[in-house]
Amino acid sequence: MDENRTIAALAALAQPTRLRTFRLLVEREPEGVPAGELARLVDVPQNTMSAHLATLSQAGLIRGERQSRSIIYRVELDRFRAVMLYLLQDCCGGNASLCAPLISDLTCCAPAEEAQIR
């Protein structure tokens, strides 16, 4: 991941409707959400939602897949992961003890066995 792609992704998320939309799509992985339903759930007109989806898509954070007459949107988790890794690269100057709490907070979806160990 390079700086320009990271900036584009962060800029796309730096708007309330797009951030809500992205978070909603993360919650709905892997099923995705049709564009019309996204507009309804976020409570914006469909044409406004289309513009927001285009911005998120151009930043590589989401993708749309046509299914019959609908377009189903899903998060590009690999791109999002790359953005997060870019931000955390060389975290705390390599001091693992400083990074541990941050990394612990980011492991919300640990496998059941690992979650029981904590």
Protein backbone atom coordinates (compact mmCIF):
# COMPACT_ATOMS: atom_id res chain seq x y z
CA MET A 1 0.00 0.00 0.00
CA ASP A 2 1.37 3.42 -0.84
CA GLU A 3 0.72 6.82 0.64
CA ASN A 4 -1.54 8.08 -2.18
CA ARG A 5 -3.83 5.05 -2.04
CA THR A 6 -4.03 5.34 1.73
CA ILE A 7 -4.91 9.03 1.49
CA ALA A 8 -7.62 8.26 -1.07
CA ALA A 9 -9.15 5.61 1.19
CA LEU A 10 -9.07 7.85 4.25
CA ALA A 11 -10.50 10.78 2.28
CA ALA A 12 -13.37 8.58 1.08
CA LEU A 13 -14.17 7.68 4.69
CA ALA A 14 -13.89 11.29 5.89
CA GLN A 15 -17.57 12.03 5.31
CA PRO A 16 -20.40 10.95 7.66
CA THR A 17 -22.65 9.20 5.11
CA ARG A 18 -19.76 7.31 3.52
CA LEU A 19 -18.37 6.29 6.91
CA ARG A 20 -21.81 5.02 8.03
CA THR A 21 -22.21 3.19 4.73
CA PHE A 22 -18.80 1.56 5.00
CA ARG A 23 -19.42 0.47 8.60
CA LEU A 24 -22.82 -0.94 7.61
CA LEU A 25 -21.22 -2.92 4.80
CA VAL A 26 -18.60 -4.28 7.21
CA GLU A 27 -21.42 -5.46 9.49
CA ARG A 28 -23.12 -7.18 6.56
CA GLU A 29 -20.11 -9.10 5.29
CA PRO A 30 -20.04 -11.42 3.44
CA GLU A 31 -23.63 -11.11 2.18
CA GLY A 32 -23.38 -7.49 1.07
CA VAL A 33 -26.24 -5.03 0.67
CA PRO A 34 -28.15 -3.90 -2.43
CA ALA A 35 -27.66 -0.22 -3.30
CA GLY A 36 -31.32 0.65 -2.76
CA GLU A 37 -31.36 -0.93 0.68
CA LEU A 38 -28.18 0.95 1.61
CA ALA A 39 -29.87 4.22 0.70
CA ARG A 40 -32.87 3.29 2.82
CA LEU A 41 -30.79 2.12 5.80
CA VAL A 42 -28.60 5.23 5.78
CA ASP A 43 -31.64 7.43 5.02
CA VAL A 44 -30.35 9.24 1.95
CA PRO A 45 -31.83 9.57 -1.55
CA GLN A 46 -30.73 6.85 -3.98
CA ASN A 47 -28.92 9.28 -6.29
CA THR A 48 -26.98 10.66 -3.32
CA MET A 49 -26.10 7.13 -2.22
CA SER A 50 -24.89 6.36 -5.75
CA ALA A 51 -22.41 9.23 -5.54
CA HIS A 52 -21.16 8.05 -2.14
CA LEU A 53 -20.83 4.46 -3.37
CA ALA A 54 -18.86 5.68 -6.39
CA THR A 55 -16.43 7.53 -4.11
CA LEU A 56 -15.93 4.48 -1.87
CA SER A 57 -15.54 2.26 -4.92
CA GLN A 58 -12.98 4.55 -6.59
CA ALA A 59 -10.98 4.47 -3.34
CA GLY A 60 -11.02 0.66 -3.58
CA LEU A 61 -12.87 0.21 -0.28
CA ILE A 62 -16.00 -1.43 -1.72
CA ARG A 63 -17.08 -3.25 -4.86
CA GLY A 64 -20.41 -3.66 -6.52
CA GLU A 65 -21.57 -6.88 -8.15
CA ARG A 66 -24.59 -7.01 -10.41
CA GLN A 67 -27.13 -9.66 -9.45
CA SER A 68 -30.10 -9.59 -11.77
CA ARG A 69 -31.46 -6.03 -11.56
CA SER A 70 -29.64 -5.12 -8.33
CA ILE A 71 -26.09 -4.17 -7.51
CA ILE A 72 -24.88 -5.77 -4.29
CA TYR A 73 -22.11 -3.87 -2.51
CA ARG A 74 -19.46 -5.50 -0.37
CA VAL A 75 -16.41 -4.26 1.48
CA GLU A 76 -12.97 -4.88 0.01
CA LEU A 77 -11.54 -6.23 3.25
CA ASP A 78 -8.08 -6.79 1.76
CA ARG A 79 -7.83 -3.10 0.80
CA PHE A 80 -9.11 -2.00 4.22
CA ARG A 81 -6.58 -4.29 5.89
CA ALA A 82 -3.81 -2.79 3.75
CA VAL A 83 -4.83 0.73 4.82
CA MET A 84 -4.81 -0.25 8.49
CA LEU A 85 -1.45 -2.00 8.15
CA TYR A 86 0.01 1.03 6.41
CA LEU A 87 -1.14 3.23 9.29
CA LEU A 88 0.27 0.86 11.89
CA GLN A 89 3.50 0.09 10.09
CA ASP A 90 6.40 0.66 12.46
CA CYS A 91 3.85 1.09 15.25
CA CYS A 92 5.30 2.82 18.28
CA GLY A 93 8.81 2.68 16.85
CA GLY A 94 8.85 -1.10 17.04
CA ASN A 95 8.21 -1.16 20.81
CA ALA A 96 5.91 -4.18 21.10
CA SER A 97 4.78 -3.32 24.63
CA LEU A 98 3.42 0.03 23.45
CA CYS A 99 1.58 -1.55 20.52
CA ALA A 100 0.10 -4.48 22.46
CA PRO A 101 -3.01 -2.64 23.77
CA LEU A 102 -3.81 -1.29 20.29
CA ILE A 103 -3.38 -4.69 18.67
CA SER A 104 -5.47 -6.29 21.41
CA ASP A 105 -8.31 -3.83 20.73
CA LEU A 106 -8.15 -4.67 17.03
CA THR A 107 -8.63 -8.40 17.57
CA CYS A 108 -12.39 -8.18 18.00
CA CYS A 109 -13.05 -11.18 15.82
CA ALA A 110 -10.64 -13.68 17.34
CA PRO A 111 -11.54 -17.36 16.95
CA ALA A 112 -13.57 -18.78 19.87
CA GLU A 113 -10.61 -20.71 21.32
CA GLU A 114 -8.44 -17.60 21.37
CA ALA A 115 -11.22 -15.48 22.88
CA GLN A 116 -11.58 -17.99 25.75
CA ILE A 117 -7.86 -17.76 26.50
CA ARG A 118 -8.15 -14.03 27.18
